[in-house]
Amino acid sequence: MADDARWTLITTGLDQLREQTPFKEGHTAPSRLFSNDDARVMHLALDEGAELTEHLVPSPILVQVLEGRIRFDVEDESHDLGPGAMIHVAGSVPHAVTAVGASRIMVVMLDPRRHTHR
């Protein structure tokens, strides 16, 4: 990817992400796309039924569904999210993700210097 101090091309699109990170039967396949002092960008390929059990991240996150459907649980709410849907979660708020079908999500961790996955 092209890169200089002022910009970075992180991905050219879904075709690249599909090739780079294939589904793993029954599991989640993570791929780090970008990381610097301001943000960390992860792509996760979640096979149908794969779960990210309840966890929290100290830094705020943005999660966007790229394809498929997920159930996103945060606090006392459950959200059925499809392609294009995006959710923001403040730092240190417990949340969980379940792939309703084979799905791809993009996770952006803001201020990853505070990032320690718990």
N, C-alpha and C. Protein backbone atom coordinates (compact mmCIF):
# COMPACT_ATOMS: atom_id res chain seq x y z
N MET A 1 0.83 -1.18 0.00
CA MET A 1 0.00 0.00 0.00
C MET A 1 0.88 1.25 0.00
N ALA A 2 0.43 2.24 -0.69
CA ALA A 2 1.16 3.51 -0.72
C ALA A 2 1.10 4.16 0.66
N ASP A 3 2.17 4.81 1.03
CA ASP A 3 2.19 5.39 2.38
C ASP A 3 3.20 6.54 2.42
N ASP A 4 2.83 7.59 3.08
CA ASP A 4 3.79 8.61 3.49
C ASP A 4 3.29 9.15 4.82
N ALA A 5 3.96 10.12 5.37
CA ALA A 5 3.63 10.59 6.71
C ALA A 5 2.24 11.20 6.82
N ARG A 6 1.63 11.58 5.70
CA ARG A 6 0.34 12.27 5.77
C ARG A 6 -0.85 11.42 5.37
N TRP A 7 -0.65 10.29 4.71
CA TRP A 7 -1.79 9.46 4.30
C TRP A 7 -1.35 8.01 4.10
N THR A 8 -2.34 7.11 4.18
CA THR A 8 -2.09 5.69 3.97
C THR A 8 -3.31 5.08 3.29
N LEU A 9 -3.12 4.39 2.20
CA LEU A 9 -4.19 3.61 1.58
C LEU A 9 -4.26 2.30 2.35
N ILE A 10 -5.36 2.09 3.08
CA ILE A 10 -5.47 0.95 3.98
C ILE A 10 -5.98 -0.29 3.26
N THR A 11 -6.97 -0.15 2.41
CA THR A 11 -7.49 -1.28 1.64
C THR A 11 -8.06 -0.77 0.33
N THR A 12 -8.01 -1.61 -0.68
CA THR A 12 -8.59 -1.24 -1.98
C THR A 12 -10.02 -1.72 -2.10
N GLY A 13 -10.52 -2.47 -1.12
CA GLY A 13 -11.92 -2.88 -1.14
C GLY A 13 -12.14 -4.32 -0.67
N LEU A 14 -13.40 -4.75 -0.77
CA LEU A 14 -13.78 -6.07 -0.28
C LEU A 14 -13.05 -7.20 -0.97
N ASP A 15 -12.80 -7.10 -2.26
CA ASP A 15 -12.10 -8.18 -2.95
C ASP A 15 -10.74 -8.43 -2.32
N GLN A 16 -10.02 -7.38 -2.02
CA GLN A 16 -8.71 -7.52 -1.37
C GLN A 16 -8.87 -8.15 0.01
N LEU A 17 -9.85 -7.70 0.79
CA LEU A 17 -10.05 -8.23 2.13
C LEU A 17 -10.43 -9.70 2.08
N ARG A 18 -11.28 -10.09 1.14
CA ARG A 18 -11.67 -11.50 1.00
C ARG A 18 -10.46 -12.38 0.69
N GLU A 19 -9.60 -11.90 -0.20
CA GLU A 19 -8.41 -12.66 -0.57
C GLU A 19 -7.41 -12.73 0.58
N GLN A 20 -7.23 -11.62 1.25
CA GLN A 20 -6.25 -11.51 2.33
C GLN A 20 -6.65 -12.31 3.57
N THR A 21 -7.95 -12.33 3.87
CA THR A 21 -8.42 -12.96 5.11
C THR A 21 -9.62 -13.86 4.82
N PRO A 22 -9.36 -15.11 4.42
CA PRO A 22 -10.48 -16.03 4.15
C PRO A 22 -11.15 -16.45 5.46
N PHE A 23 -12.39 -16.92 5.34
CA PHE A 23 -13.11 -17.44 6.51
C PHE A 23 -12.43 -18.71 7.01
N LYS A 24 -12.45 -18.91 8.33
CA LYS A 24 -11.98 -20.15 8.95
C LYS A 24 -13.21 -20.80 9.58
N GLU A 25 -13.50 -22.02 9.18
CA GLU A 25 -14.73 -22.68 9.59
C GLU A 25 -14.94 -22.61 11.10
N GLY A 26 -16.07 -21.99 11.48
CA GLY A 26 -16.46 -21.89 12.88
C GLY A 26 -15.67 -20.89 13.72
N HIS A 27 -14.80 -20.13 13.10
CA HIS A 27 -13.91 -19.24 13.85
C HIS A 27 -13.92 -17.81 13.32
N THR A 28 -13.15 -16.98 14.02
CA THR A 28 -12.91 -15.60 13.60
C THR A 28 -11.48 -15.50 13.10
N ALA A 29 -11.30 -14.90 11.92
CA ALA A 29 -9.97 -14.69 11.36
C ALA A 29 -9.68 -13.19 11.37
N PRO A 30 -8.79 -12.73 12.26
CA PRO A 30 -8.47 -11.30 12.32
C PRO A 30 -7.29 -10.95 11.42
N SER A 31 -7.28 -9.71 10.98
CA SER A 31 -6.17 -9.20 10.17
C SER A 31 -5.97 -7.73 10.51
N ARG A 32 -4.77 -7.37 10.94
CA ARG A 32 -4.47 -5.97 11.23
C ARG A 32 -4.14 -5.29 9.91
N LEU A 33 -4.89 -4.24 9.58
CA LEU A 33 -4.70 -3.53 8.33
C LEU A 33 -3.82 -2.30 8.47
N PHE A 34 -3.85 -1.69 9.66
CA PHE A 34 -3.15 -0.43 9.84
C PHE A 34 -3.00 -0.16 11.33
N SER A 35 -1.89 0.47 11.69
CA SER A 35 -1.70 0.86 13.09
C SER A 35 -0.72 2.02 13.15
N ASN A 36 -1.10 3.06 13.89
CA ASN A 36 -0.18 4.15 14.22
C ASN A 36 -0.60 4.71 15.57
N ASP A 37 -0.09 5.87 15.95
CA ASP A 37 -0.41 6.43 17.26
C ASP A 37 -1.86 6.91 17.37
N ASP A 38 -2.52 7.14 16.25
CA ASP A 38 -3.88 7.69 16.26
C ASP A 38 -4.97 6.64 16.18
N ALA A 39 -4.71 5.54 15.47
CA ALA A 39 -5.76 4.55 15.24
C ALA A 39 -5.15 3.20 14.88
N ARG A 40 -5.93 2.16 15.14
CA ARG A 40 -5.60 0.80 14.69
C ARG A 40 -6.83 0.29 13.94
N VAL A 41 -6.62 -0.27 12.76
CA VAL A 41 -7.72 -0.77 11.94
C VAL A 41 -7.57 -2.28 11.78
N MET A 42 -8.62 -3.00 12.17
CA MET A 42 -8.65 -4.45 12.08
C MET A 42 -9.79 -4.87 11.15
N HIS A 43 -9.55 -5.93 10.39
CA HIS A 43 -10.60 -6.58 9.60
C HIS A 43 -10.79 -7.96 10.21
N LEU A 44 -12.04 -8.31 10.49
CA LEU A 44 -12.33 -9.62 11.04
C LEU A 44 -13.29 -10.35 10.12
N ALA A 45 -12.92 -11.57 9.74
CA ALA A 45 -13.80 -12.45 8.97
C ALA A 45 -14.37 -13.45 9.97
N LEU A 46 -15.68 -13.35 10.22
CA LEU A 46 -16.34 -14.21 11.20
C LEU A 46 -17.19 -15.23 10.47
N ASP A 47 -16.87 -16.51 10.64
CA ASP A 47 -17.69 -17.55 10.03
C ASP A 47 -19.04 -17.58 10.76
N GLU A 48 -20.05 -18.13 10.10
CA GLU A 48 -21.38 -18.19 10.71
C GLU A 48 -21.29 -18.83 12.09
N GLY A 49 -21.89 -18.16 13.07
CA GLY A 49 -21.90 -18.64 14.44
C GLY A 49 -20.69 -18.26 15.27
N ALA A 50 -19.66 -17.73 14.64
CA ALA A 50 -18.46 -17.32 15.39
C ALA A 50 -18.82 -16.19 16.35
N GLU A 51 -18.17 -16.19 17.50
CA GLU A 51 -18.48 -15.18 18.53
C GLU A 51 -17.21 -14.50 19.03
N LEU A 52 -17.36 -13.25 19.33
CA LEU A 52 -16.39 -12.54 20.15
C LEU A 52 -17.11 -12.36 21.48
N THR A 53 -16.77 -13.18 22.45
CA THR A 53 -17.48 -13.12 23.73
C THR A 53 -17.28 -11.75 24.37
N GLU A 54 -18.11 -11.46 25.36
CA GLU A 54 -18.07 -10.14 25.96
C GLU A 54 -16.65 -9.77 26.38
N HIS A 55 -16.25 -8.58 25.98
CA HIS A 55 -14.92 -8.06 26.27
C HIS A 55 -15.00 -6.54 26.26
N LEU A 56 -13.92 -5.89 26.64
CA LEU A 56 -13.87 -4.43 26.56
C LEU A 56 -12.50 -4.01 26.09
N VAL A 57 -12.45 -2.83 25.55
CA VAL A 57 -11.22 -2.23 25.06
C VAL A 57 -11.14 -0.84 25.69
N PRO A 58 -10.01 -0.46 26.27
CA PRO A 58 -9.92 0.85 26.91
C PRO A 58 -10.18 2.03 25.97
N SER A 59 -9.82 1.87 24.70
CA SER A 59 -10.00 2.97 23.74
C SER A 59 -11.37 2.90 23.08
N PRO A 60 -11.91 4.02 22.63
CA PRO A 60 -13.17 4.01 21.88
C PRO A 60 -12.97 3.24 20.57
N ILE A 61 -14.06 2.61 20.09
CA ILE A 61 -13.99 1.87 18.83
C ILE A 61 -15.16 2.24 17.93
N LEU A 62 -14.93 2.05 16.64
CA LEU A 62 -15.97 2.11 15.62
C LEU A 62 -16.00 0.73 14.98
N VAL A 63 -17.19 0.15 14.82
CA VAL A 63 -17.34 -1.15 14.18
C VAL A 63 -18.30 -0.98 13.01
N GLN A 64 -17.86 -1.40 11.81
CA GLN A 64 -18.71 -1.33 10.63
C GLN A 64 -18.82 -2.71 10.01
N VAL A 65 -20.06 -3.09 9.67
CA VAL A 65 -20.30 -4.35 8.98
C VAL A 65 -20.03 -4.13 7.50
N LEU A 66 -19.17 -4.96 6.93
CA LEU A 66 -18.84 -4.86 5.51
C LEU A 66 -19.71 -5.79 4.67
N GLU A 67 -19.95 -7.00 5.19
CA GLU A 67 -20.87 -7.94 4.53
C GLU A 67 -21.36 -8.94 5.56
N GLY A 68 -22.51 -9.53 5.29
CA GLY A 68 -23.11 -10.48 6.22
C GLY A 68 -23.95 -9.76 7.27
N ARG A 69 -24.26 -10.49 8.35
CA ARG A 69 -25.05 -9.94 9.45
C ARG A 69 -24.43 -10.36 10.77
N ILE A 70 -24.43 -9.42 11.71
CA ILE A 70 -23.95 -9.72 13.05
C ILE A 70 -24.98 -9.28 14.07
N ARG A 71 -24.88 -9.88 15.25
CA ARG A 71 -25.62 -9.37 16.42
C ARG A 71 -24.56 -8.71 17.30
N PHE A 72 -24.79 -7.44 17.61
CA PHE A 72 -23.86 -6.67 18.42
C PHE A 72 -24.54 -6.38 19.74
N ASP A 73 -24.01 -6.92 20.83
CA ASP A 73 -24.58 -6.72 22.16
C ASP A 73 -23.72 -5.72 22.92
N VAL A 74 -24.38 -4.68 23.43
CA VAL A 74 -23.69 -3.67 24.22
C VAL A 74 -24.62 -3.21 25.33
N GLU A 75 -24.10 -3.24 26.55
CA GLU A 75 -24.90 -2.96 27.73
C GLU A 75 -26.14 -3.84 27.70
N ASP A 76 -27.33 -3.30 27.81
CA ASP A 76 -28.54 -4.13 27.83
C ASP A 76 -29.24 -4.20 26.49
N GLU A 77 -28.54 -3.87 25.40
CA GLU A 77 -29.17 -3.84 24.08
C GLU A 77 -28.49 -4.79 23.12
N SER A 78 -29.30 -5.34 22.21
CA SER A 78 -28.80 -6.21 21.16
C SER A 78 -29.21 -5.60 19.83
N HIS A 79 -28.25 -5.48 18.91
CA HIS A 79 -28.51 -4.85 17.61
C HIS A 79 -28.20 -5.83 16.49
N ASP A 80 -29.16 -6.01 15.58
CA ASP A 80 -28.96 -6.82 14.38
C ASP A 80 -28.44 -5.88 13.31
N LEU A 81 -27.19 -6.06 12.89
CA LEU A 81 -26.54 -5.12 11.98
C LEU A 81 -26.15 -5.81 10.68
N GLY A 82 -26.43 -5.12 9.57
CA GLY A 82 -26.09 -5.63 8.25
C GLY A 82 -25.11 -4.72 7.54
N PRO A 83 -24.83 -5.01 6.27
CA PRO A 83 -23.83 -4.25 5.52
C PRO A 83 -24.06 -2.74 5.57
N GLY A 84 -22.99 -2.03 5.89
CA GLY A 84 -23.05 -0.57 5.97
C GLY A 84 -23.33 -0.05 7.36
N ALA A 85 -23.90 -0.88 8.24
CA ALA A 85 -24.19 -0.44 9.60
C ALA A 85 -22.89 -0.18 10.35
N MET A 86 -22.93 0.83 11.21
CA MET A 86 -21.74 1.20 11.99
C MET A 86 -22.18 1.57 13.40
N ILE A 87 -21.37 1.18 14.37
CA ILE A 87 -21.66 1.50 15.76
C ILE A 87 -20.39 2.02 16.43
N HIS A 88 -20.56 2.99 17.33
CA HIS A 88 -19.46 3.53 18.14
C HIS A 88 -19.65 3.01 19.56
N VAL A 89 -18.56 2.59 20.18
CA VAL A 89 -18.59 2.16 21.57
C VAL A 89 -17.48 2.91 22.30
N ALA A 90 -17.84 3.57 23.39
CA ALA A 90 -16.85 4.30 24.19
C ALA A 90 -15.86 3.32 24.80
N GLY A 91 -14.73 3.82 25.21
CA GLY A 91 -13.73 2.98 25.85
C GLY A 91 -14.25 2.33 27.11
N SER A 92 -13.81 1.12 27.38
CA SER A 92 -14.12 0.36 28.60
C SER A 92 -15.58 -0.03 28.74
N VAL A 93 -16.33 -0.08 27.63
CA VAL A 93 -17.73 -0.53 27.66
C VAL A 93 -17.77 -1.98 27.16
N PRO A 94 -18.23 -2.92 27.99
CA PRO A 94 -18.30 -4.32 27.55
C PRO A 94 -19.24 -4.49 26.36
N HIS A 95 -18.82 -5.35 25.42
CA HIS A 95 -19.63 -5.62 24.24
C HIS A 95 -19.27 -7.01 23.71
N ALA A 96 -20.15 -7.55 22.86
CA ALA A 96 -19.94 -8.88 22.27
C ALA A 96 -20.48 -8.88 20.85
N VAL A 97 -19.95 -9.77 20.02
CA VAL A 97 -20.36 -9.88 18.62
C VAL A 97 -20.61 -11.34 18.29
N THR A 98 -21.72 -11.61 17.60
CA THR A 98 -22.01 -12.94 17.08
C THR A 98 -22.33 -12.83 15.61
N ALA A 99 -21.69 -13.66 14.79
CA ALA A 99 -21.96 -13.67 13.35
C ALA A 99 -23.23 -14.47 13.09
N VAL A 100 -24.28 -13.80 12.62
CA VAL A 100 -25.54 -14.47 12.29
C VAL A 100 -25.33 -15.33 11.04
N GLY A 101 -24.54 -14.83 10.11
CA GLY A 101 -24.08 -15.56 8.93
C GLY A 101 -22.62 -15.21 8.74
N ALA A 102 -21.97 -15.83 7.78
CA ALA A 102 -20.57 -15.47 7.51
C ALA A 102 -20.51 -13.96 7.27
N SER A 103 -19.65 -13.27 7.99
CA SER A 103 -19.64 -11.80 8.00
C SER A 103 -18.22 -11.26 8.03
N ARG A 104 -18.10 -10.03 7.57
CA ARG A 104 -16.83 -9.30 7.66
C ARG A 104 -17.12 -7.96 8.33
N ILE A 105 -16.28 -7.62 9.30
CA ILE A 105 -16.42 -6.33 9.97
C ILE A 105 -15.08 -5.61 9.99
N MET A 106 -15.16 -4.30 10.05
CA MET A 106 -13.98 -3.45 10.19
C MET A 106 -14.08 -2.83 11.59
N VAL A 107 -13.00 -2.90 12.34
CA VAL A 107 -12.94 -2.32 13.68
C VAL A 107 -11.84 -1.26 13.69
N VAL A 108 -12.21 -0.05 14.07
CA VAL A 108 -11.24 1.04 14.19
C VAL A 108 -11.11 1.38 15.67
N MET A 109 -9.92 1.17 16.22
CA MET A 109 -9.64 1.52 17.61
C MET A 109 -9.00 2.90 17.60
N LEU A 110 -9.65 3.84 18.26
CA LEU A 110 -9.16 5.21 18.32
C LEU A 110 -8.22 5.36 19.50
N ASP A 111 -7.12 6.06 19.32
CA ASP A 111 -6.11 6.23 20.36
C ASP A 111 -5.65 4.87 20.90
N PRO A 112 -5.06 4.01 20.03
CA PRO A 112 -4.70 2.66 20.44
C PRO A 112 -3.58 2.59 21.47
N ARG A 113 -2.96 3.70 21.80
CA ARG A 113 -1.95 3.68 22.86
C ARG A 113 -2.57 3.21 24.17
N ARG A 114 -3.89 3.38 24.30
CA ARG A 114 -4.59 2.92 25.50
C ARG A 114 -5.07 1.49 25.34
N HIS A 115 -4.79 0.86 24.18
CA HIS A 115 -5.37 -0.44 23.87
C HIS A 115 -4.65 -1.57 24.59
N THR A 116 -5.39 -2.23 25.45
CA THR A 116 -5.00 -3.53 26.00
C THR A 116 -6.27 -4.33 26.08
N HIS A 117 -6.38 -5.35 25.27
CA HIS A 117 -7.61 -6.15 25.17
C HIS A 117 -7.80 -6.93 26.47
N ARG A 118 -9.02 -6.88 27.02
CA ARG A 118 -9.30 -7.60 28.27
C ARG A 118 -10.38 -8.61 28.02
